[in-house]
Amino acid sequence: MIRWFAAQGFTRARFEHGKLRITTEKMGETIVFKLKERPGYDTFFKETGEGALIVFEVKADGGRVVWDGYCPLLLFGLWSRKLAFKAGARAPFRYRDEGHRLAMAFSTYVQSPGNTRP
């Protein structure tokens, strides 16, 4: 699975004390994202061209893969929200559509025999 994410341009998260802060940039503005480690899961993230983030939390569990995907959003620098992927999302949320397309591709990948190992 790690190779699949790397091939799609994702980075494996390296948490410190269960937290990770990621900064991106959109039109000269810095955007900060805060991720929390989910015990037992590997986390992968990818910056979109719009300065947003696409996140997958993945766990290989006895021959099957359990995963969750979302786009994090930090409101007013205080409240973290996880936006679900959405097919056909339009500006300014096009990254949710990109997340949806990646989720469909990942789902197809893990359903193929032999692709359930980390």
N, C-alpha and C. Protein backbone atom coordinates (compact mmCIF):
# COMPACT_ATOMS: atom_id res chain seq x y z
N MET A 1 0.81 -1.20 0.00
CA MET A 1 0.00 0.00 0.00
C MET A 1 0.86 1.26 0.00
N ILE A 2 1.98 1.21 0.70
CA ILE A 2 2.86 2.39 0.76
C ILE A 2 3.28 2.80 -0.64
N ARG A 3 3.57 1.81 -1.48
CA ARG A 3 3.98 2.13 -2.86
C ARG A 3 2.85 2.80 -3.64
N TRP A 4 1.62 2.36 -3.42
CA TRP A 4 0.48 2.96 -4.13
C TRP A 4 0.39 4.44 -3.77
N PHE A 5 0.46 4.75 -2.48
CA PHE A 5 0.36 6.14 -2.06
C PHE A 5 1.52 6.97 -2.59
N ALA A 6 2.72 6.42 -2.55
CA ALA A 6 3.89 7.14 -3.07
C ALA A 6 3.73 7.43 -4.57
N ALA A 7 3.19 6.46 -5.30
CA ALA A 7 3.00 6.64 -6.74
C ALA A 7 1.96 7.73 -7.05
N GLN A 8 1.07 8.00 -6.10
CA GLN A 8 0.05 9.03 -6.29
C GLN A 8 0.50 10.39 -5.74
N GLY A 9 1.73 10.46 -5.23
CA GLY A 9 2.26 11.73 -4.73
C GLY A 9 1.99 12.01 -3.26
N PHE A 10 1.61 10.98 -2.51
CA PHE A 10 1.35 11.14 -1.09
C PHE A 10 2.63 11.03 -0.27
N THR A 11 2.61 11.62 0.90
CA THR A 11 3.69 11.55 1.88
C THR A 11 3.16 10.81 3.11
N ARG A 12 3.99 9.95 3.66
CA ARG A 12 3.59 9.24 4.88
C ARG A 12 3.82 10.18 6.07
N ALA A 13 2.80 10.32 6.90
CA ALA A 13 2.87 11.24 8.04
C ALA A 13 3.82 10.70 9.11
N ARG A 14 4.59 11.60 9.68
CA ARG A 14 5.49 11.29 10.80
C ARG A 14 5.06 12.16 11.98
N PHE A 15 4.30 11.58 12.86
CA PHE A 15 3.74 12.32 13.99
C PHE A 15 4.76 12.46 15.12
N GLU A 16 4.66 13.56 15.84
CA GLU A 16 5.44 13.78 17.06
C GLU A 16 4.45 14.00 18.18
N HIS A 17 4.49 13.13 19.17
CA HIS A 17 3.56 13.19 20.30
C HIS A 17 2.10 13.14 19.83
N GLY A 18 1.86 12.36 18.76
CA GLY A 18 0.51 12.16 18.27
C GLY A 18 -0.05 13.29 17.42
N LYS A 19 0.78 14.28 17.09
CA LYS A 19 0.29 15.41 16.30
C LYS A 19 1.25 15.74 15.15
N LEU A 20 0.69 16.32 14.12
CA LEU A 20 1.49 16.76 12.97
C LEU A 20 0.89 18.04 12.44
N ARG A 21 1.72 19.01 12.23
CA ARG A 21 1.31 20.30 11.67
C ARG A 21 1.91 20.40 10.26
N ILE A 22 1.04 20.70 9.30
CA ILE A 22 1.46 20.80 7.90
C ILE A 22 1.08 22.18 7.39
N THR A 23 2.00 22.84 6.72
CA THR A 23 1.69 24.14 6.13
C THR A 23 1.74 24.04 4.61
N THR A 24 0.80 24.69 3.97
CA THR A 24 0.76 24.78 2.52
C THR A 24 0.59 26.25 2.17
N GLU A 25 0.57 26.52 0.88
CA GLU A 25 0.43 27.91 0.45
C GLU A 25 -0.55 27.99 -0.71
N LYS A 26 -1.38 29.01 -0.67
CA LYS A 26 -2.32 29.28 -1.77
C LYS A 26 -2.31 30.78 -2.03
N MET A 27 -1.93 31.16 -3.22
CA MET A 27 -1.88 32.57 -3.63
C MET A 27 -1.15 33.44 -2.61
N GLY A 28 -0.01 32.97 -2.14
CA GLY A 28 0.81 33.74 -1.21
C GLY A 28 0.36 33.68 0.24
N GLU A 29 -0.73 33.00 0.52
CA GLU A 29 -1.24 32.86 1.89
C GLU A 29 -0.85 31.50 2.46
N THR A 30 -0.38 31.49 3.69
CA THR A 30 -0.01 30.25 4.35
C THR A 30 -1.25 29.62 4.99
N ILE A 31 -1.41 28.32 4.76
CA ILE A 31 -2.52 27.57 5.33
C ILE A 31 -1.92 26.49 6.24
N VAL A 32 -2.45 26.39 7.46
CA VAL A 32 -1.94 25.42 8.43
C VAL A 32 -2.98 24.34 8.66
N PHE A 33 -2.53 23.10 8.63
CA PHE A 33 -3.40 21.95 8.92
C PHE A 33 -2.82 21.22 10.13
N LYS A 34 -3.70 20.74 10.98
CA LYS A 34 -3.29 19.96 12.14
C LYS A 34 -3.90 18.58 12.03
N LEU A 35 -3.03 17.56 12.02
CA LEU A 35 -3.50 16.19 11.99
C LEU A 35 -3.19 15.53 13.33
N LYS A 36 -4.10 14.66 13.76
CA LYS A 36 -3.89 13.87 14.98
C LYS A 36 -3.71 12.42 14.58
N GLU A 37 -2.77 11.77 15.23
CA GLU A 37 -2.48 10.37 14.94
C GLU A 37 -3.65 9.49 15.37
N ARG A 38 -4.01 8.60 14.51
CA ARG A 38 -5.07 7.62 14.80
C ARG A 38 -4.37 6.30 15.12
N PRO A 39 -4.41 5.87 16.37
CA PRO A 39 -3.67 4.66 16.78
C PRO A 39 -3.99 3.45 15.89
N GLY A 40 -2.92 2.77 15.47
CA GLY A 40 -3.06 1.58 14.64
C GLY A 40 -3.17 1.84 13.15
N TYR A 41 -3.21 3.09 12.75
CA TYR A 41 -3.37 3.46 11.34
C TYR A 41 -2.10 4.14 10.83
N ASP A 42 -1.82 3.95 9.55
CA ASP A 42 -0.80 4.73 8.86
C ASP A 42 -1.53 5.87 8.18
N THR A 43 -0.96 7.05 8.24
CA THR A 43 -1.58 8.24 7.65
C THR A 43 -0.75 8.74 6.48
N PHE A 44 -1.42 9.03 5.39
CA PHE A 44 -0.78 9.56 4.18
C PHE A 44 -1.50 10.84 3.79
N PHE A 45 -0.73 11.85 3.36
CA PHE A 45 -1.35 13.11 2.96
C PHE A 45 -0.74 13.61 1.66
N LYS A 46 -1.53 14.43 0.97
CA LYS A 46 -1.10 14.99 -0.31
C LYS A 46 -1.64 16.41 -0.40
N GLU A 47 -0.76 17.32 -0.78
CA GLU A 47 -1.18 18.70 -1.00
C GLU A 47 -1.76 18.81 -2.40
N THR A 48 -2.87 19.53 -2.52
CA THR A 48 -3.47 19.74 -3.84
C THR A 48 -2.94 21.05 -4.41
N GLY A 49 -3.24 21.31 -5.67
CA GLY A 49 -2.82 22.55 -6.30
C GLY A 49 -3.50 23.77 -5.72
N GLU A 50 -4.55 23.55 -4.94
CA GLU A 50 -5.30 24.65 -4.35
C GLU A 50 -4.88 24.94 -2.92
N GLY A 51 -3.78 24.32 -2.48
CA GLY A 51 -3.31 24.54 -1.12
C GLY A 51 -4.04 23.71 -0.07
N ALA A 52 -4.95 22.85 -0.52
CA ALA A 52 -5.70 21.99 0.40
C ALA A 52 -4.93 20.69 0.63
N LEU A 53 -5.48 19.85 1.48
CA LEU A 53 -4.84 18.58 1.82
C LEU A 53 -5.84 17.45 1.64
N ILE A 54 -5.35 16.32 1.13
CA ILE A 54 -6.13 15.09 1.04
C ILE A 54 -5.43 14.10 1.96
N VAL A 55 -6.20 13.46 2.84
CA VAL A 55 -5.63 12.58 3.85
C VAL A 55 -6.30 11.21 3.79
N PHE A 56 -5.48 10.16 3.90
CA PHE A 56 -5.97 8.79 4.04
C PHE A 56 -5.38 8.21 5.31
N GLU A 57 -6.21 7.57 6.12
CA GLU A 57 -5.78 6.82 7.29
C GLU A 57 -6.08 5.36 6.98
N VAL A 58 -5.04 4.51 7.03
CA VAL A 58 -5.14 3.14 6.52
C VAL A 58 -4.61 2.15 7.54
N LYS A 59 -5.31 1.00 7.65
CA LYS A 59 -4.85 -0.07 8.53
C LYS A 59 -5.09 -1.41 7.84
N ALA A 60 -4.04 -2.24 7.78
CA ALA A 60 -4.18 -3.61 7.29
C ALA A 60 -4.59 -4.44 8.50
N ASP A 61 -5.75 -5.08 8.40
CA ASP A 61 -6.32 -5.80 9.53
C ASP A 61 -6.67 -7.23 9.12
N GLY A 62 -5.72 -8.15 9.34
CA GLY A 62 -5.98 -9.56 9.06
C GLY A 62 -6.41 -9.86 7.64
N GLY A 63 -5.69 -9.36 6.66
CA GLY A 63 -6.00 -9.65 5.27
C GLY A 63 -7.01 -8.71 4.63
N ARG A 64 -7.51 -7.77 5.38
CA ARG A 64 -8.40 -6.77 4.78
C ARG A 64 -7.87 -5.38 5.14
N VAL A 65 -8.26 -4.42 4.37
CA VAL A 65 -7.80 -3.05 4.58
C VAL A 65 -8.97 -2.19 5.06
N VAL A 66 -8.73 -1.50 6.17
CA VAL A 66 -9.71 -0.57 6.72
C VAL A 66 -9.13 0.83 6.50
N TRP A 67 -9.93 1.74 5.95
CA TRP A 67 -9.39 3.07 5.67
C TRP A 67 -10.47 4.13 5.75
N ASP A 68 -9.98 5.34 5.90
CA ASP A 68 -10.84 6.51 5.93
C ASP A 68 -10.11 7.61 5.18
N GLY A 69 -10.83 8.37 4.40
CA GLY A 69 -10.24 9.47 3.66
C GLY A 69 -11.02 10.74 3.89
N TYR A 70 -10.30 11.86 3.93
CA TYR A 70 -10.97 13.14 4.17
C TYR A 70 -10.06 14.29 3.79
N CYS A 71 -10.64 15.48 3.78
CA CYS A 71 -9.89 16.72 3.57
C CYS A 71 -10.01 17.53 4.86
N PRO A 72 -8.89 17.75 5.56
CA PRO A 72 -8.97 18.50 6.81
C PRO A 72 -9.20 19.99 6.56
N LEU A 73 -9.86 20.60 7.50
CA LEU A 73 -10.13 22.03 7.43
C LEU A 73 -9.99 22.58 8.84
N LEU A 74 -9.23 23.63 8.99
CA LEU A 74 -9.05 24.27 10.29
C LEU A 74 -9.79 25.60 10.26
N LEU A 75 -10.88 25.68 11.01
CA LEU A 75 -11.71 26.88 11.02
C LEU A 75 -11.22 27.87 12.08
N PHE A 76 -10.96 29.08 11.67
CA PHE A 76 -10.53 30.15 12.56
C PHE A 76 -9.29 29.78 13.37
N GLY A 77 -8.51 28.82 12.87
CA GLY A 77 -7.30 28.40 13.58
C GLY A 77 -7.57 27.60 14.83
N LEU A 78 -8.82 27.24 15.07
CA LEU A 78 -9.18 26.55 16.32
C LEU A 78 -9.85 25.20 16.12
N TRP A 79 -10.87 25.16 15.28
CA TRP A 79 -11.67 23.95 15.15
C TRP A 79 -11.25 23.14 13.93
N SER A 80 -10.90 21.90 14.17
CA SER A 80 -10.56 20.99 13.07
C SER A 80 -11.81 20.28 12.60
N ARG A 81 -11.99 20.22 11.31
CA ARG A 81 -13.10 19.51 10.70
C ARG A 81 -12.55 18.57 9.64
N LYS A 82 -13.23 17.45 9.45
CA LYS A 82 -12.87 16.51 8.40
C LYS A 82 -13.98 16.55 7.35
N LEU A 83 -13.65 17.12 6.19
CA LEU A 83 -14.62 17.18 5.10
C LEU A 83 -14.55 15.89 4.29
N ALA A 84 -15.68 15.27 4.06
CA ALA A 84 -15.74 14.05 3.26
C ALA A 84 -15.42 14.36 1.81
N PHE A 85 -14.87 13.37 1.11
CA PHE A 85 -14.67 13.52 -0.32
C PHE A 85 -16.05 13.63 -0.97
N LYS A 86 -16.10 14.32 -2.12
CA LYS A 86 -17.38 14.52 -2.78
C LYS A 86 -17.20 14.53 -4.29
N ALA A 87 -17.84 13.58 -4.94
CA ALA A 87 -17.78 13.52 -6.40
C ALA A 87 -18.42 14.77 -6.99
N GLY A 88 -17.73 15.36 -7.97
CA GLY A 88 -18.28 16.50 -8.67
C GLY A 88 -18.24 17.82 -7.91
N ALA A 89 -17.50 17.86 -6.80
CA ALA A 89 -17.40 19.11 -6.04
C ALA A 89 -16.81 20.21 -6.92
N ARG A 90 -17.33 21.39 -6.79
CA ARG A 90 -16.88 22.53 -7.61
C ARG A 90 -16.09 23.51 -6.75
N ALA A 91 -15.50 24.49 -7.44
CA ALA A 91 -14.71 25.51 -6.75
C ALA A 91 -15.54 26.13 -5.64
N PRO A 92 -14.97 26.45 -4.54
CA PRO A 92 -13.56 26.34 -4.19
C PRO A 92 -13.19 25.00 -3.56
N PHE A 93 -14.04 23.99 -3.72
CA PHE A 93 -13.80 22.70 -3.07
C PHE A 93 -13.46 21.58 -4.05
N ARG A 94 -12.85 21.90 -5.17
CA ARG A 94 -12.50 20.89 -6.17
C ARG A 94 -11.62 19.78 -5.62
N TYR A 95 -10.83 20.10 -4.62
CA TYR A 95 -9.96 19.09 -4.02
C TYR A 95 -10.76 17.94 -3.42
N ARG A 96 -12.01 18.18 -3.03
CA ARG A 96 -12.86 17.09 -2.52
C ARG A 96 -13.20 16.11 -3.64
N ASP A 97 -13.34 16.61 -4.86
CA ASP A 97 -13.55 15.73 -6.01
C ASP A 97 -12.29 14.93 -6.30
N GLU A 98 -11.14 15.58 -6.22
CA GLU A 98 -9.87 14.87 -6.42
C GLU A 98 -9.74 13.76 -5.37
N GLY A 99 -10.09 14.05 -4.14
CA GLY A 99 -10.06 13.04 -3.08
C GLY A 99 -10.99 11.88 -3.40
N HIS A 100 -12.16 12.20 -3.92
CA HIS A 100 -13.12 11.15 -4.29
C HIS A 100 -12.53 10.24 -5.37
N ARG A 101 -11.92 10.83 -6.39
CA ARG A 101 -11.32 10.03 -7.47
C ARG A 101 -10.20 9.15 -6.93
N LEU A 102 -9.37 9.70 -6.02
CA LEU A 102 -8.30 8.91 -5.42
C LEU A 102 -8.87 7.79 -4.53
N ALA A 103 -9.95 8.07 -3.83
CA ALA A 103 -10.58 7.05 -2.98
C ALA A 103 -11.10 5.89 -3.83
N MET A 104 -11.71 6.20 -4.98
CA MET A 104 -12.21 5.15 -5.86
C MET A 104 -11.05 4.30 -6.39
N ALA A 105 -9.96 4.96 -6.76
CA ALA A 105 -8.79 4.24 -7.27
C ALA A 105 -8.17 3.37 -6.17
N PHE A 106 -8.09 3.90 -4.95
CA PHE A 106 -7.53 3.13 -3.84
C PHE A 106 -8.42 1.94 -3.51
N SER A 107 -9.71 2.14 -3.52
CA SER A 107 -10.66 1.06 -3.25
C SER A 107 -10.48 -0.07 -4.27
N THR A 108 -10.33 0.28 -5.53
CA THR A 108 -10.08 -0.71 -6.58
C THR A 108 -8.76 -1.43 -6.33
N TYR A 109 -7.75 -0.69 -5.95
CA TYR A 109 -6.42 -1.25 -5.68
C TYR A 109 -6.48 -2.29 -4.55
N VAL A 110 -7.11 -1.95 -3.43
CA VAL A 110 -7.11 -2.87 -2.28
C VAL A 110 -8.01 -4.08 -2.51
N GLN A 111 -8.93 -4.00 -3.46
CA GLN A 111 -9.77 -5.15 -3.76
C GLN A 111 -9.09 -6.16 -4.67
N SER A 112 -7.96 -5.77 -5.25
CA SER A 112 -7.20 -6.68 -6.09
C SER A 112 -6.40 -7.65 -5.20
N PRO A 113 -6.36 -8.93 -5.58
CA PRO A 113 -5.63 -9.91 -4.76
C PRO A 113 -4.17 -9.51 -4.52
N GLY A 114 -3.72 -9.71 -3.29
CA GLY A 114 -2.32 -9.43 -2.95
C GLY A 114 -2.01 -8.00 -2.56
N ASN A 115 -2.99 -7.11 -2.58
CA ASN A 115 -2.73 -5.70 -2.28
C ASN A 115 -3.20 -5.29 -0.89
N THR A 116 -3.26 -6.22 0.03
CA THR A 116 -3.74 -5.89 1.37
C THR A 116 -2.61 -5.81 2.39
N ARG A 117 -1.37 -5.93 1.93
CA ARG A 117 -0.23 -5.78 2.83
C ARG A 117 0.24 -4.34 2.85
N PRO A 118 0.77 -3.91 4.01
CA PRO A 118 1.27 -2.54 4.10
C PRO A 118 2.37 -2.32 3.10
